[in-house]
Amino acid sequence: MDGDDLHEEVSRLEAQIEQLAQAIESCRKIILASKAAIALGAILLVAIMVGAIRFDPMAFMAAVAALLGGTVLFGSNSSTSQEKTAALKAAEAQRDELIGRMDLTVVGERNHPDLPRLH
């Protein structure tokens, strides 16, 4: 792979890394919302069971739906987040390996013509 191909592959990997990071953040937000739904459903069910709230079939169904729906969302997004995190780490490792193969030149402050000299 020549230098231009390496640069293009690194750019592609960086775009992929950004997309994966966004997907992981989205999963994190959904996981947080699902935890809130689970907690709300559980609190509502307990309140109905101990008599703090008068039994209402709609409230009971809403509590069960929040509990079950939150659990499903939590599980689904947790596994998706783990998969995306593994893919992110793999892409970062591949990018780092490609960057390591590039013939990069280190530019020092004193030797670079565009930088001001410090005295």
N, C-alpha and C. Protein backbone atom coordinates (compact mmCIF):
# COMPACT_ATOMS: atom_id res chain seq x y z
N MET A 1 0.86 -1.17 0.00
CA MET A 1 0.00 0.00 0.00
C MET A 1 0.90 1.23 0.00
N ASP A 2 0.67 2.16 -0.94
CA ASP A 2 1.52 3.35 -0.99
C ASP A 2 0.97 4.42 -0.04
N GLY A 3 1.68 5.55 0.04
CA GLY A 3 1.34 6.62 0.99
C GLY A 3 -0.05 7.17 0.82
N ASP A 4 -0.47 7.38 -0.45
CA ASP A 4 -1.80 7.93 -0.68
C ASP A 4 -2.89 6.95 -0.25
N ASP A 5 -2.67 5.66 -0.54
CA ASP A 5 -3.64 4.64 -0.11
C ASP A 5 -3.72 4.57 1.40
N LEU A 6 -2.57 4.70 2.07
CA LEU A 6 -2.57 4.69 3.53
C LEU A 6 -3.35 5.86 4.09
N HIS A 7 -3.14 7.04 3.52
CA HIS A 7 -3.86 8.23 3.98
C HIS A 7 -5.37 8.07 3.77
N GLU A 8 -5.76 7.54 2.62
CA GLU A 8 -7.18 7.33 2.34
C GLU A 8 -7.79 6.31 3.30
N GLU A 9 -7.06 5.25 3.58
CA GLU A 9 -7.55 4.22 4.50
C GLU A 9 -7.67 4.78 5.92
N VAL A 10 -6.69 5.58 6.33
CA VAL A 10 -6.75 6.21 7.66
C VAL A 10 -7.95 7.14 7.73
N SER A 11 -8.19 7.91 6.67
CA SER A 11 -9.35 8.81 6.64
C SER A 11 -10.65 8.03 6.72
N ARG A 12 -10.72 6.91 5.99
CA ARG A 12 -11.92 6.07 6.02
C ARG A 12 -12.13 5.50 7.43
N LEU A 13 -11.05 5.06 8.05
CA LEU A 13 -11.16 4.51 9.40
C LEU A 13 -11.57 5.59 10.40
N GLU A 14 -11.06 6.79 10.23
CA GLU A 14 -11.44 7.88 11.15
C GLU A 14 -12.93 8.20 11.01
N ALA A 15 -13.45 8.17 9.79
CA ALA A 15 -14.89 8.39 9.59
C ALA A 15 -15.68 7.26 10.23
N GLN A 16 -15.20 6.03 10.08
CA GLN A 16 -15.87 4.88 10.70
C GLN A 16 -15.83 4.99 12.22
N ILE A 17 -14.70 5.41 12.76
CA ILE A 17 -14.57 5.58 14.21
C ILE A 17 -15.55 6.62 14.71
N GLU A 18 -15.70 7.71 13.98
CA GLU A 18 -16.66 8.76 14.37
C GLU A 18 -18.09 8.23 14.37
N GLN A 19 -18.45 7.46 13.34
CA GLN A 19 -19.80 6.88 13.27
C GLN A 19 -20.04 5.91 14.41
N LEU A 20 -19.05 5.10 14.72
CA LEU A 20 -19.18 4.15 15.82
C LEU A 20 -19.32 4.87 17.16
N ALA A 21 -18.56 5.93 17.34
CA ALA A 21 -18.65 6.72 18.58
C ALA A 21 -20.04 7.33 18.73
N GLN A 22 -20.60 7.81 17.63
CA GLN A 22 -21.95 8.37 17.68
C GLN A 22 -22.98 7.29 18.00
N ALA A 23 -22.81 6.11 17.42
CA ALA A 23 -23.74 5.01 17.69
C ALA A 23 -23.64 4.57 19.16
N ILE A 24 -22.44 4.54 19.70
CA ILE A 24 -22.26 4.18 21.11
C ILE A 24 -22.92 5.21 22.01
N GLU A 25 -22.78 6.48 21.68
CA GLU A 25 -23.41 7.54 22.46
C GLU A 25 -24.94 7.43 22.40
N SER A 26 -25.46 7.11 21.23
CA SER A 26 -26.90 6.91 21.08
C SER A 26 -27.38 5.75 21.94
N CYS A 27 -26.63 4.66 21.93
CA CYS A 27 -26.97 3.51 22.77
C CYS A 27 -26.95 3.90 24.25
N ARG A 28 -25.96 4.69 24.63
CA ARG A 28 -25.85 5.12 26.03
C ARG A 28 -27.09 5.90 26.46
N LYS A 29 -27.57 6.78 25.59
CA LYS A 29 -28.76 7.57 25.91
C LYS A 29 -29.99 6.68 26.01
N ILE A 30 -30.13 5.72 25.11
CA ILE A 30 -31.28 4.82 25.15
C ILE A 30 -31.20 3.93 26.39
N ILE A 31 -30.01 3.48 26.75
CA ILE A 31 -29.84 2.68 27.96
C ILE A 31 -30.27 3.47 29.18
N LEU A 32 -29.90 4.73 29.24
CA LEU A 32 -30.29 5.59 30.35
C LEU A 32 -31.82 5.74 30.41
N ALA A 33 -32.44 5.96 29.26
CA ALA A 33 -33.90 6.08 29.21
C ALA A 33 -34.57 4.76 29.59
N SER A 34 -33.99 3.64 29.18
CA SER A 34 -34.58 2.34 29.51
C SER A 34 -34.48 2.06 31.01
N LYS A 35 -33.38 2.49 31.63
CA LYS A 35 -33.26 2.33 33.08
C LYS A 35 -34.32 3.15 33.80
N ALA A 36 -34.59 4.35 33.27
CA ALA A 36 -35.63 5.19 33.87
C ALA A 36 -37.00 4.54 33.71
N ALA A 37 -37.27 3.94 32.55
CA ALA A 37 -38.54 3.26 32.32
C ALA A 37 -38.69 2.05 33.24
N ILE A 38 -37.62 1.31 33.42
CA ILE A 38 -37.65 0.15 34.33
C ILE A 38 -37.95 0.62 35.75
N ALA A 39 -37.26 1.65 36.18
CA ALA A 39 -37.47 2.17 37.54
C ALA A 39 -38.89 2.69 37.72
N LEU A 40 -39.37 3.44 36.75
CA LEU A 40 -40.73 3.99 36.84
C LEU A 40 -41.76 2.87 36.87
N GLY A 41 -41.62 1.89 36.01
CA GLY A 41 -42.55 0.76 35.99
C GLY A 41 -42.53 -0.01 37.29
N ALA A 42 -41.33 -0.24 37.83
CA ALA A 42 -41.21 -0.97 39.10
C ALA A 42 -41.83 -0.18 40.25
N ILE A 43 -41.57 1.11 40.29
CA ILE A 43 -42.14 1.95 41.36
C ILE A 43 -43.66 1.95 41.28
N LEU A 44 -44.18 2.08 40.07
CA LEU A 44 -45.64 2.09 39.88
C LEU A 44 -46.25 0.75 40.29
N LEU A 45 -45.61 -0.34 39.91
CA LEU A 45 -46.11 -1.67 40.31
C LEU A 45 -46.11 -1.85 41.82
N VAL A 46 -45.03 -1.45 42.47
CA VAL A 46 -44.95 -1.56 43.93
C VAL A 46 -46.00 -0.69 44.58
N ALA A 47 -46.19 0.52 44.06
CA ALA A 47 -47.19 1.43 44.62
C ALA A 47 -48.60 0.84 44.49
N ILE A 48 -48.88 0.19 43.38
CA ILE A 48 -50.18 -0.45 43.19
C ILE A 48 -50.33 -1.63 44.15
N MET A 49 -49.28 -2.43 44.29
CA MET A 49 -49.34 -3.63 45.13
C MET A 49 -49.50 -3.30 46.61
N VAL A 50 -48.85 -2.25 47.08
CA VAL A 50 -48.96 -1.90 48.51
C VAL A 50 -50.16 -1.00 48.78
N GLY A 51 -50.87 -0.62 47.75
CA GLY A 51 -52.08 0.17 47.94
C GLY A 51 -51.85 1.66 47.99
N ALA A 52 -50.65 2.12 47.70
CA ALA A 52 -50.39 3.56 47.70
C ALA A 52 -51.15 4.22 46.55
N ILE A 53 -51.37 3.46 45.49
CA ILE A 53 -52.15 3.92 44.35
C ILE A 53 -53.29 2.92 44.18
N ARG A 54 -54.50 3.46 44.00
CA ARG A 54 -55.66 2.59 43.79
C ARG A 54 -55.46 1.79 42.52
N PHE A 55 -55.83 0.49 42.56
CA PHE A 55 -55.65 -0.37 41.40
C PHE A 55 -56.46 0.15 40.23
N ASP A 56 -55.77 0.31 39.13
CA ASP A 56 -56.40 0.72 37.88
C ASP A 56 -55.77 -0.16 36.81
N PRO A 57 -56.60 -0.87 36.03
CA PRO A 57 -56.03 -1.77 35.02
C PRO A 57 -55.09 -1.05 34.03
N MET A 58 -55.42 0.17 33.64
CA MET A 58 -54.58 0.92 32.70
C MET A 58 -53.22 1.26 33.33
N ALA A 59 -53.23 1.68 34.59
CA ALA A 59 -51.99 2.01 35.28
C ALA A 59 -51.14 0.74 35.44
N PHE A 60 -51.81 -0.37 35.76
CA PHE A 60 -51.10 -1.64 35.91
C PHE A 60 -50.46 -2.06 34.59
N MET A 61 -51.20 -1.96 33.50
CA MET A 61 -50.66 -2.33 32.19
C MET A 61 -49.53 -1.38 31.78
N ALA A 62 -49.67 -0.12 32.09
CA ALA A 62 -48.60 0.85 31.78
C ALA A 62 -47.33 0.52 32.56
N ALA A 63 -47.48 0.15 33.83
CA ALA A 63 -46.33 -0.20 34.65
C ALA A 63 -45.63 -1.44 34.11
N VAL A 64 -46.41 -2.45 33.76
CA VAL A 64 -45.84 -3.68 33.22
C VAL A 64 -45.17 -3.39 31.87
N ALA A 65 -45.81 -2.60 31.03
CA ALA A 65 -45.24 -2.26 29.72
C ALA A 65 -43.92 -1.49 29.89
N ALA A 66 -43.88 -0.56 30.82
CA ALA A 66 -42.65 0.21 31.07
C ALA A 66 -41.54 -0.70 31.57
N LEU A 67 -41.91 -1.61 32.46
CA LEU A 67 -40.93 -2.54 33.01
C LEU A 67 -40.38 -3.47 31.93
N LEU A 68 -41.27 -4.08 31.16
CA LEU A 68 -40.84 -5.02 30.12
C LEU A 68 -40.15 -4.30 28.95
N GLY A 69 -40.74 -3.20 28.51
CA GLY A 69 -40.15 -2.44 27.40
C GLY A 69 -38.78 -1.89 27.76
N GLY A 70 -38.65 -1.38 28.97
CA GLY A 70 -37.35 -0.87 29.42
C GLY A 70 -36.31 -1.98 29.48
N THR A 71 -36.74 -3.16 29.92
CA THR A 71 -35.82 -4.30 30.01
C THR A 71 -35.35 -4.72 28.61
N VAL A 72 -36.27 -4.79 27.67
CA VAL A 72 -35.91 -5.16 26.30
C VAL A 72 -34.97 -4.12 25.69
N LEU A 73 -35.31 -2.85 25.84
CA LEU A 73 -34.44 -1.79 25.30
C LEU A 73 -33.06 -1.82 25.94
N PHE A 74 -33.03 -2.03 27.24
CA PHE A 74 -31.75 -2.08 27.95
C PHE A 74 -30.88 -3.21 27.41
N GLY A 75 -31.45 -4.39 27.32
CA GLY A 75 -30.68 -5.54 26.84
C GLY A 75 -30.21 -5.37 25.41
N SER A 76 -31.10 -4.92 24.55
CA SER A 76 -30.76 -4.76 23.15
C SER A 76 -29.66 -3.73 22.95
N ASN A 77 -29.80 -2.59 23.60
CA ASN A 77 -28.82 -1.52 23.42
C ASN A 77 -27.52 -1.79 24.16
N SER A 78 -27.58 -2.57 25.22
CA SER A 78 -26.33 -2.95 25.91
C SER A 78 -25.49 -3.83 25.01
N SER A 79 -26.12 -4.82 24.37
CA SER A 79 -25.35 -5.71 23.49
C SER A 79 -24.88 -4.96 22.25
N THR A 80 -25.71 -4.08 21.71
CA THR A 80 -25.30 -3.27 20.56
C THR A 80 -24.12 -2.38 20.93
N SER A 81 -24.18 -1.78 22.10
CA SER A 81 -23.09 -0.92 22.56
C SER A 81 -21.79 -1.71 22.70
N GLN A 82 -21.88 -2.92 23.24
CA GLN A 82 -20.68 -3.76 23.38
C GLN A 82 -20.11 -4.12 22.01
N GLU A 83 -20.97 -4.45 21.06
CA GLU A 83 -20.51 -4.77 19.71
C GLU A 83 -19.85 -3.57 19.05
N LYS A 84 -20.49 -2.41 19.19
CA LYS A 84 -19.93 -1.19 18.58
C LYS A 84 -18.61 -0.80 19.25
N THR A 85 -18.51 -1.01 20.55
CA THR A 85 -17.27 -0.69 21.26
C THR A 85 -16.14 -1.59 20.79
N ALA A 86 -16.43 -2.87 20.59
CA ALA A 86 -15.41 -3.80 20.07
C ALA A 86 -14.99 -3.39 18.66
N ALA A 87 -15.96 -3.01 17.82
CA ALA A 87 -15.64 -2.57 16.46
C ALA A 87 -14.83 -1.27 16.49
N LEU A 88 -15.16 -0.38 17.42
CA LEU A 88 -14.42 0.88 17.57
C LEU A 88 -12.97 0.61 17.94
N LYS A 89 -12.75 -0.28 18.90
CA LYS A 89 -11.38 -0.60 19.32
C LYS A 89 -10.60 -1.23 18.17
N ALA A 90 -11.26 -2.10 17.41
CA ALA A 90 -10.59 -2.74 16.27
C ALA A 90 -10.22 -1.70 15.21
N ALA A 91 -11.14 -0.78 14.93
CA ALA A 91 -10.87 0.26 13.93
C ALA A 91 -9.75 1.18 14.40
N GLU A 92 -9.75 1.52 15.69
CA GLU A 92 -8.67 2.37 16.22
C GLU A 92 -7.33 1.66 16.14
N ALA A 93 -7.30 0.36 16.45
CA ALA A 93 -6.05 -0.41 16.37
C ALA A 93 -5.56 -0.49 14.93
N GLN A 94 -6.49 -0.69 13.99
CA GLN A 94 -6.12 -0.75 12.57
C GLN A 94 -5.60 0.60 12.11
N ARG A 95 -6.27 1.68 12.52
CA ARG A 95 -5.81 3.02 12.16
C ARG A 95 -4.41 3.29 12.72
N ASP A 96 -4.20 2.92 13.99
CA ASP A 96 -2.89 3.13 14.60
C ASP A 96 -1.80 2.33 13.89
N GLU A 97 -2.14 1.12 13.47
CA GLU A 97 -1.18 0.28 12.75
C GLU A 97 -0.83 0.92 11.40
N LEU A 98 -1.84 1.46 10.70
CA LEU A 98 -1.58 2.11 9.41
C LEU A 98 -0.74 3.37 9.59
N ILE A 99 -1.06 4.13 10.62
CA ILE A 99 -0.29 5.35 10.87
C ILE A 99 1.16 4.98 11.19
N GLY A 100 1.35 3.87 11.91
CA GLY A 100 2.70 3.41 12.22
C GLY A 100 3.48 3.01 10.98
N ARG A 101 2.79 2.59 9.93
CA ARG A 101 3.45 2.18 8.68
C ARG A 101 3.77 3.37 7.78
N MET A 102 3.19 4.52 8.07
CA MET A 102 3.43 5.70 7.24
C MET A 102 4.83 6.25 7.48
N ASP A 103 5.39 6.81 6.44
CA ASP A 103 6.70 7.45 6.55
C ASP A 103 6.46 8.91 6.93
N LEU A 104 6.32 9.15 8.22
CA LEU A 104 6.03 10.50 8.70
C LEU A 104 7.32 11.20 9.08
N THR A 105 7.34 12.50 8.90
CA THR A 105 8.50 13.30 9.24
C THR A 105 8.15 14.15 10.44
N VAL A 106 9.01 14.11 11.45
CA VAL A 106 8.81 14.94 12.63
C VAL A 106 9.40 16.30 12.33
N VAL A 107 8.59 17.33 12.56
CA VAL A 107 9.03 18.69 12.28
C VAL A 107 9.32 19.36 13.62
N GLY A 108 10.57 19.81 13.78
CA GLY A 108 10.96 20.49 15.01
C GLY A 108 10.66 21.97 14.92
N GLU A 109 10.50 22.62 16.06
CA GLU A 109 10.18 24.05 16.07
C GLU A 109 11.29 24.89 15.43
N ARG A 110 12.52 24.60 15.73
CA ARG A 110 13.62 25.43 15.24
C ARG A 110 13.90 25.20 13.76
N ASN A 111 13.57 24.04 13.23
CA ASN A 111 13.90 23.72 11.86
C ASN A 111 12.79 24.04 10.87
N HIS A 112 11.61 24.38 11.36
CA HIS A 112 10.47 24.60 10.47
C HIS A 112 10.45 26.06 10.03
N PRO A 113 10.46 26.31 8.70
CA PRO A 113 10.55 27.69 8.20
C PRO A 113 9.30 28.53 8.46
N ASP A 114 8.13 27.89 8.66
CA ASP A 114 6.90 28.66 8.84
C ASP A 114 6.66 29.07 10.29
N LEU A 115 7.43 28.52 11.23
CA LEU A 115 7.22 28.84 12.63
C LEU A 115 8.21 29.93 13.06
N PRO A 116 7.75 30.85 13.91
CA PRO A 116 8.66 31.89 14.39
C PRO A 116 9.74 31.28 15.30
N ARG A 117 10.89 31.88 15.27
CA ARG A 117 11.98 31.40 16.13
C ARG A 117 11.89 32.07 17.49
N LEU A 118 12.11 31.28 18.52
CA LEU A 118 12.13 31.81 19.88
C LEU A 118 13.58 32.05 20.30
N HIS A 119 13.85 33.18 20.87
CA HIS A 119 15.23 33.47 21.29
C HIS A 119 15.33 33.52 22.76
